[in-house]
Protein backbone atom coordinates (compact mmCIF):
# COMPACT_ATOMS: atom_id res chain seq x y z
CA MET A 1 -28.30 0.52 45.95
CA ILE A 2 -29.91 -0.27 42.52
CA ASP A 3 -33.47 -0.75 42.88
CA ALA A 4 -36.31 0.22 45.79
CA ARG A 5 -40.00 -1.08 44.55
CA SER A 6 -42.89 -0.05 46.74
CA PRO A 7 -45.11 -1.63 48.27
CA ALA A 8 -42.66 -4.84 49.11
CA PRO A 9 -43.50 -7.79 46.98
CA ARG A 10 -44.93 -10.37 49.40
CA GLU A 11 -43.06 -13.33 49.05
CA GLU A 12 -39.65 -11.35 49.20
CA TRP A 13 -40.94 -9.84 52.33
CA ARG A 14 -41.99 -12.87 53.99
CA GLU A 15 -38.79 -14.50 52.76
CA LEU A 16 -36.29 -12.02 54.23
CA LEU A 17 -38.91 -11.85 57.54
CA ALA A 18 -37.76 -15.57 57.92
CA LEU A 19 -34.04 -14.78 57.53
CA ASP A 20 -34.03 -12.40 60.19
CA PRO A 21 -32.76 -13.39 63.78
CA PHE A 22 -34.26 -10.26 65.23
CA ALA A 23 -37.76 -10.54 63.40
CA LEU A 24 -40.97 -9.70 65.12
CA GLU A 25 -44.69 -10.66 63.66
CA THR A 26 -45.27 -6.62 63.90
CA GLN A 27 -42.72 -6.37 60.95
CA SER A 28 -44.82 -8.66 58.65
CA PRO A 29 -47.00 -8.13 55.54
CA GLU A 30 -50.09 -9.38 57.23
CA TRP A 31 -49.41 -7.24 60.59
CA ALA A 32 -49.45 -4.07 57.99
CA ASP A 33 -52.84 -5.38 56.56
CA ALA A 34 -54.29 -5.31 60.09
CA MET A 35 -53.45 -2.24 60.60
CA CYS A 36 -54.42 -0.85 57.43
CA VAL A 37 -58.07 -2.90 57.72
CA SER A 38 -58.26 -1.57 61.45
CA ARG A 39 -56.62 1.91 61.76
CA HIS A 40 -56.58 3.33 58.28
CA TYR A 41 -53.27 3.40 57.26
CA ALA A 42 -51.78 2.58 54.03
CA ASP A 43 -49.06 0.23 53.31
CA ALA A 44 -46.03 2.26 52.16
CA SER A 45 -43.48 -0.85 52.75
CA ARG A 46 -40.02 -0.41 50.59
CA LEU A 47 -37.86 -3.29 49.26
CA TYR A 48 -34.20 -2.39 48.81
CA GLU A 49 -31.67 -4.08 46.95
CA PHE A 50 -28.17 -2.99 46.93
CA ALA A 51 -25.37 -3.84 44.02
CA ASN A 52 -24.06 -6.62 46.25
CA GLY A 53 -26.94 -8.43 45.88
CA ARG A 54 -28.48 -7.93 49.60
CA ARG A 55 -32.06 -7.10 49.97
CA VAL A 56 -34.23 -5.41 52.94
CA VAL A 57 -37.48 -4.56 53.73
CA LEU A 58 -38.57 -1.34 55.42
CA PRO A 59 -42.35 -2.02 56.82
CA LEU A 60 -43.81 1.27 56.66
CA LEU A 61 -47.01 2.83 57.14
CA ARG A 62 -48.55 5.93 55.95
CA ARG A 63 -51.37 8.17 56.82
CA THR A 64 -52.16 10.83 54.38
CA LEU A 65 -54.81 13.99 55.03
CA GLY A 66 -56.58 15.48 51.61
CA GLY A 67 -53.98 13.44 49.55
CA ILE A 68 -50.84 14.57 51.60
CA ALA A 69 -48.57 12.18 52.79
CA VAL A 70 -48.74 13.36 56.59
CA LEU A 71 -47.02 10.51 58.78
CA GLU A 72 -45.27 7.67 57.63
CA ALA A 73 -43.69 5.01 60.34
CA SER A 74 -42.19 2.24 60.76
CA ASN A 75 -44.61 1.37 62.99
CA PRO A 76 -46.87 4.40 64.43
CA MET A 77 -47.39 4.47 67.86
CA HIS A 78 -49.33 1.39 69.21
CA CYS A 79 -48.53 -0.31 66.26
CA GLY A 80 -45.84 -2.31 67.67
CA VAL A 81 -41.65 -2.70 66.43
CA GLY A 82 -40.80 -1.87 63.59
CA GLY A 83 -37.73 -1.21 61.40
CA VAL A 84 -36.06 -2.60 58.57
CA VAL A 85 -35.66 -6.70 58.16
CA ALA A 86 -32.78 -8.50 56.49
CA ALA A 87 -31.32 -11.66 55.76
CA GLY A 88 -28.88 -12.12 59.21
CA GLY A 89 -30.49 -8.62 60.70
CA PRO A 90 -30.03 -5.18 58.88
CA ARG A 91 -26.44 -3.63 58.73
CA PRO A 92 -25.80 -0.29 59.55
CA GLU A 93 -24.79 0.95 56.28
CA GLU A 94 -28.29 -0.63 54.73
CA VAL A 95 -29.88 1.26 57.25
CA ALA A 96 -28.46 4.70 56.79
CA ALA A 97 -28.79 4.25 52.85
CA VAL A 98 -33.03 3.62 53.47
CA LEU A 99 -33.29 6.57 55.99
CA THR A 100 -30.91 8.56 53.06
CA ASP A 101 -33.87 7.73 50.48
CA LEU A 102 -36.65 8.62 52.64
CA ASN A 103 -35.12 11.72 53.36
CA ARG A 104 -35.61 13.05 50.12
CA ARG A 105 -39.26 12.22 50.42
CA LYS A 106 -41.54 15.24 51.81
CA VAL A 107 -43.40 13.89 54.87
CA ALA A 108 -44.70 15.87 58.02
CA VAL A 109 -43.69 12.98 60.30
CA ARG A 110 -41.92 10.04 60.08
CA SER A 111 -40.76 7.50 62.72
CA PHE A 112 -39.20 4.54 63.63
CA LEU A 113 -39.36 1.92 66.88
CA PRO A 114 -36.52 -0.76 65.68
CA HIS A 115 -36.15 -3.86 67.79
CA PRO A 116 -34.30 -3.10 70.66
CA LEU A 117 -31.46 -5.67 69.67
CA THR A 118 -31.04 -3.75 66.93
CA ALA A 119 -30.25 -0.18 68.67
CA GLY A 120 -26.70 -0.32 68.01
CA VAL A 121 -27.29 -0.63 64.01
CA TRP A 122 -29.91 2.13 64.48
CA GLU A 123 -27.68 4.60 66.08
CA ASP A 124 -24.90 4.08 63.88
CA ALA A 125 -27.17 4.72 60.58
CA TRP A 126 -29.05 7.45 62.21
CA SER A 127 -25.60 9.66 62.55
CA ARG A 128 -24.82 8.35 59.22
CA ALA A 129 -28.07 9.69 57.55
CA ASP A 130 -28.14 12.90 59.95
CA PRO A 131 -31.80 13.66 58.67
CA SER A 132 -32.79 17.52 59.39
CA GLY A 133 -34.92 17.84 62.44
CA GLY A 134 -34.35 14.58 63.76
CA LEU A 135 -35.13 13.86 67.43
CA VAL A 136 -34.20 10.79 69.53
CA VAL A 137 -36.30 9.55 72.16
CA ALA A 138 -34.07 7.41 74.67
CA ARG A 139 -36.23 4.17 75.72
CA ARG A 140 -35.80 0.62 77.46
CA ALA A 141 -37.48 -2.55 76.96
CA HIS A 142 -36.77 -6.29 77.87
CA THR A 143 -36.05 -9.26 76.31
CA ILE A 144 -35.54 -12.96 77.28
CA ASP A 145 -33.18 -15.06 75.34
CA LEU A 146 -34.47 -18.45 74.87
CA ASP A 147 -31.45 -20.29 73.41
CA GLY A 148 -31.13 -23.72 75.65
CA GLY A 149 -34.59 -24.40 76.18
CA MET A 150 -37.01 -23.97 78.89
CA SER A 151 -34.56 -26.27 81.04
CA VAL A 152 -32.00 -23.07 80.75
CA VAL A 153 -34.54 -20.22 80.75
CA SER A 154 -36.00 -21.50 84.13
CA THR A 155 -33.01 -21.22 85.64
CA ARG A 156 -33.45 -17.19 85.51
CA PHE A 157 -36.56 -17.09 87.04
CA GLY A 158 -36.43 -15.12 90.32
CA LYS A 159 -37.38 -16.79 93.78
CA LEU A 160 -41.19 -14.47 93.18
CA THR A 161 -41.94 -16.00 90.04
CA ARG A 162 -41.11 -19.36 91.19
CA ARG A 163 -43.55 -19.14 94.24
CA GLY A 164 -46.34 -17.34 92.34
CA VAL A 165 -46.19 -20.17 89.68
CA ARG A 166 -46.47 -22.63 92.38
CA HIS A 167 -49.30 -20.40 94.13
CA ALA A 168 -51.21 -20.10 91.07
CA ARG A 169 -51.56 -23.68 89.82
CA ARG A 170 -52.32 -24.84 93.78
CA SER A 171 -55.23 -22.19 93.61
CA GLY A 172 -56.72 -23.79 90.59
CA VAL A 173 -55.87 -21.20 87.92
CA ALA A 174 -56.66 -22.34 84.81
CA VAL A 175 -55.07 -21.39 81.21
CA GLU A 176 -56.04 -21.32 77.95
CA CYS A 177 -54.97 -20.15 74.60
CA GLY A 178 -57.25 -18.77 71.77
CA THR A 179 -55.54 -18.19 68.35
CA GLY A 180 -56.93 -16.59 65.42
CA GLY A 181 -58.70 -13.83 67.48
CA ARG A 182 -60.36 -16.30 69.80
CA LEU A 183 -60.70 -15.25 73.13
CA VAL A 184 -60.80 -11.27 71.94
CA ASP A 185 -63.81 -10.43 73.47
CA GLU A 186 -62.29 -11.88 76.99
CA PHE A 187 -58.73 -9.96 76.24
CA TYR A 188 -60.70 -6.95 75.31
CA ASP A 189 -62.91 -6.99 78.55
CA LEU A 190 -60.14 -7.29 80.94
CA MET A 191 -58.18 -4.39 78.83
CA GLU A 192 -61.47 -1.82 79.86
CA LEU A 193 -61.72 -3.41 83.45
CA ALA A 194 -57.81 -2.75 83.18
CA THR A 195 -58.14 1.02 81.88
CA ARG A 196 -61.01 1.66 84.34
CA ARG A 197 -58.81 0.97 87.64
CA TRP A 198 -55.69 2.91 86.14
CA ALA A 199 -57.98 5.89 85.39
CA ARG A 200 -58.86 5.89 89.09
CA MET A 201 -55.47 5.42 90.20
CA GLN A 202 -54.25 8.25 88.27
CA HIS A 203 -57.20 10.91 88.63
CA GLU A 204 -58.33 10.52 85.59
CA PRO A 205 -62.09 10.51 84.26
CA ALA A 206 -62.85 6.78 83.42
CA TRP A 207 -64.80 8.01 80.49
CA LEU A 208 -61.58 9.99 79.06
CA ALA A 209 -59.49 7.00 79.33
CA LEU A 210 -61.53 4.41 77.83
CA ARG A 211 -61.92 6.89 75.21
CA ARG A 212 -58.37 7.06 74.38
CA LEU A 213 -58.56 3.03 74.65
CA HIS A 214 -61.18 2.52 71.92
CA HIS A 215 -59.58 5.43 69.60
CA ARG A 216 -56.11 4.08 70.19
CA GLU A 217 -56.97 0.37 70.39
CA PRO A 218 -60.33 -0.66 69.49
CA ARG A 219 -61.69 -4.26 69.57
CA SER A 220 -62.05 -4.19 65.77
CA LYS A 221 -57.84 -4.00 65.95
CA PHE A 222 -57.56 -7.09 67.53
CA ARG A 223 -59.84 -9.20 65.62
CA ALA A 224 -58.20 -7.73 62.58
CA ILE A 225 -55.01 -9.04 63.67
CA GLY A 226 -56.47 -12.76 64.42
CA ARG A 227 -57.64 -12.80 61.29
CA GLN A 228 -54.64 -12.01 59.22
CA LEU A 229 -51.74 -13.90 61.59
CA GLY A 230 -54.65 -16.59 62.51
CA GLU A 231 -52.46 -18.89 64.81
CA ARG A 232 -49.81 -16.58 65.03
CA MET A 233 -51.78 -14.24 67.33
CA GLN A 234 -52.06 -15.91 70.53
CA ILE A 235 -54.35 -15.02 73.60
CA TRP A 236 -53.60 -16.47 76.87
CA LEU A 237 -56.45 -16.35 79.55
CA ALA A 238 -56.25 -17.35 83.03
CA ARG A 239 -59.28 -18.43 84.40
CA VAL A 240 -60.79 -19.44 88.29
CA ASP A 241 -64.11 -20.97 88.35
CA ASP A 242 -64.58 -19.95 84.59
CA ARG A 243 -63.92 -16.33 85.54
CA PRO A 244 -61.53 -14.30 83.24
CA ILE A 245 -59.12 -12.94 85.67
CA ALA A 246 -55.59 -11.87 83.61
CA THR A 247 -54.82 -12.01 79.87
CA ILE A 248 -51.81 -11.45 77.70
CA LEU A 249 -51.44 -11.40 73.92
CA VAL A 250 -48.61 -12.78 72.13
CA LEU A 251 -47.31 -12.49 68.75
CA ARG A 252 -45.30 -16.29 67.89
CA GLY A 253 -43.52 -16.13 64.75
CA SER A 254 -39.29 -17.15 65.07
CA ASN A 255 -39.74 -14.83 68.02
CA ALA A 256 -42.20 -14.12 70.80
CA TYR A 257 -43.61 -10.64 71.31
CA TYR A 258 -45.63 -9.89 74.50
CA LEU A 259 -47.80 -6.99 73.10
CA ARG A 260 -50.53 -6.64 75.49
CA GLY A 261 -51.61 -7.68 78.90
CA ALA A 262 -54.48 -6.92 81.48
CA MET A 263 -55.81 -8.64 84.67
CA ASP A 264 -58.66 -7.79 87.11
CA GLU A 265 -57.31 -6.44 90.25
CA GLU A 266 -59.44 -8.16 92.77
CA MET A 267 -58.09 -11.22 91.57
CA ARG A 268 -54.71 -10.10 91.95
CA SER A 269 -53.68 -12.79 94.47
CA TYR A 270 -53.79 -15.85 92.53
CA ARG A 271 -50.60 -14.66 90.58
CA ALA A 272 -52.06 -15.34 87.54
CA ASN A 273 -49.52 -13.23 85.58
CA ASP A 274 -46.75 -15.45 86.64
CA LEU A 275 -48.18 -18.46 85.45
CA LEU A 276 -49.48 -17.04 82.20
CA HIS A 277 -45.79 -15.92 81.26
CA VAL A 278 -44.18 -19.03 81.91
CA THR A 279 -46.90 -20.95 80.19
CA VAL A 280 -45.94 -18.74 77.35
CA LEU A 281 -42.13 -19.00 77.49
CA GLU A 282 -42.94 -22.94 78.04
CA ASP A 283 -44.60 -22.75 74.45
CA ALA A 284 -42.38 -20.54 72.57
CA CYS A 285 -39.49 -22.73 73.48
CA ALA A 286 -41.39 -25.72 72.43
CA ALA A 287 -41.47 -24.24 69.25
CA GLY A 288 -37.97 -23.16 69.05
CA CYS A 289 -38.73 -19.07 69.14
CA ARG A 290 -34.97 -17.42 69.69
CA SER A 291 -36.36 -14.87 72.26
CA TYR A 292 -39.53 -13.52 74.31
CA TYR A 293 -39.58 -10.05 73.76
CA LEU A 294 -41.74 -7.99 76.82
CA GLY A 295 -41.59 -5.03 75.24
CA ASP A 296 -41.12 -1.44 76.05
CA SER A 297 -41.05 -0.76 79.81
CA GLY A 298 -40.58 2.24 80.11
CA TRP A 299 -38.58 3.95 83.11
CA SER A 300 -40.86 2.03 85.83
CA ASP A 301 -38.54 0.45 88.45
CA ASN A 302 -41.44 -2.16 89.32
CA LEU A 303 -41.92 -3.25 86.01
CA ALA A 304 -38.64 -3.63 84.97
CA LYS A 305 -37.96 -5.71 88.45
CA TYR A 306 -41.28 -8.05 87.63
CA LYS A 307 -39.80 -8.96 83.80
CA GLU A 308 -36.36 -9.20 85.36
CA ARG A 309 -37.80 -11.75 87.57
CA LEU A 310 -38.62 -13.76 84.63
CA GLY A 311 -35.17 -13.80 83.14
CA ALA A 312 -35.37 -10.60 81.07
CA ARG A 313 -32.53 -8.44 80.71
CA PRO A 314 -33.13 -4.79 80.00
CA CYS A 315 -32.62 -3.22 76.75
CA LEU A 316 -31.68 0.12 76.15
CA TYR A 317 -32.62 1.66 72.61
CA ALA A 318 -34.18 4.70 70.77
CA GLU A 319 -37.33 5.74 69.02
CA TYR A 320 -36.26 7.89 66.01
CA ARG A 321 -38.35 10.64 64.64
CA SER A 322 -37.75 13.42 61.80
CA GLU A 323 -40.64 16.05 62.01
CA ARG A 324 -41.02 19.24 59.42
CA LEU A 325 -43.48 20.30 62.12
CA PRO A 326 -42.90 20.62 65.69
CA VAL A 327 -45.24 17.64 66.55
CA THR A 328 -43.93 15.84 69.35
CA ARG A 329 -43.47 18.99 71.12
CA THR A 330 -46.95 20.19 70.47
CA GLU A 331 -48.22 17.03 71.83
CA ARG A 332 -46.35 17.08 75.00
CA VAL A 333 -47.46 20.64 75.70
CA VAL A 334 -51.10 19.54 75.03
CA LYS A 335 -50.74 16.35 77.12
CA ASP A 336 -49.19 18.37 80.52
CA ALA A 337 -52.11 21.06 80.38
CA VAL A 338 -54.50 18.24 80.04
CA LYS A 339 -53.00 16.39 82.80
CA ARG A 340 -52.71 19.62 84.96
CA VAL A 341 -56.09 20.39 84.70
CA ILE A 342 -57.57 16.95 85.88
CA GLY A 343 -54.69 16.19 88.46
CA PHE A 344 -53.34 13.53 86.62
CA LYS A 345 -51.13 11.28 88.83
CA ASP A 346 -48.43 9.55 87.00
CA PHE A 347 -46.83 6.34 88.63
C-alpha cells in the first residue's frame, strides 16, 4: 500500500460504497456519525490506496478510556455489519494488508463483523494476516437475492408465507412506512413490549432486560440514525384499527438491510410480519436493490425456517476478534454466572 489516511475522506468513502456490490448502510459515513453521536464512539475509519491504484475503506469505530484506545471495531456489537468496502467488493490481499496494518497498533480489543457474502474473502485474509490472539466466532445469517425483481423473488416464497400475507390483508392489516426517524416512538414502544415478553419467557426480571435494551440500543440511537440517514432509514409499521402490532426497521441503499423488528404477541394471529417483509421486498425490488439482508440468525431452527420461507438462503460466516486481554472469555463467564443465578432459559 502507498497511503493510509484516517479518518477516511467522506467523498471517497461514499464513492467506494456506491461501487461495492455488497455494501450496506451500516458501512456508510452517515452510519458512523450516528453511532458516534448516540453511542459515544469516535470515527477511526481508514482509507487505503495500493500501488496498483486500488482504494479501499475500512469503516472503524473507536472507544477510548482515559485517552487510551480500548476498542476498535468494524462494527461494534449492536452496530451492524462492518468490514472493508471497495469497488467490485474487497479482495483477500487487500483485507489482509488492512489487517496487517492494524496489527501494528496496540488496542485492547479489535473486532470485525463483515458481510456474510464476503465470508471467503475474510477467511483467506485472516489466515494471511495471522493476528496474535485472534479469535474466530462462527455465525450464520440469511440473505435474499433480488436479481430478477419481485416476479422472480415471489416464486421462492413458501406456502406459509403466501398464506400469511393473504390472511393479513383480509384481516385489515394496514402498513405504512416512515423515513428519517418518523415512527421511531411507535417502533421503540414495540421493542420494549417485545423485550418484556422475552424476559418472561426466559425467566429474566423485566427491569434487567429493559435496562440492557436501553443501554445497548436507546431510543436516541434510532433518532440519530434517522437524522443521519434520512430516507435511507425506513420504519415499516403494521396497524390494526390504528393499533401498532408489528414493526421492522430497514436500511435501504444499494442493498436492503433488515436491522431490527418487534411485534405485539397478542396480535400474532394477524400474520403482520409476513406482510411487512413482503412489502419491504416489493419496495427494495422497485428501488433496484441487489439483495435483502435479513441479518444474523444465530443457530435457531425456527428463525432460520421463517427466513427461508421468505426465500432467504443461509450464509455461514465468521466474526473476527483480536484481543490483548481475555475480554470475550471473561464476558462469557460473567454472563453464564448471571444466567445461573436468575434461572435464565435460552431459546
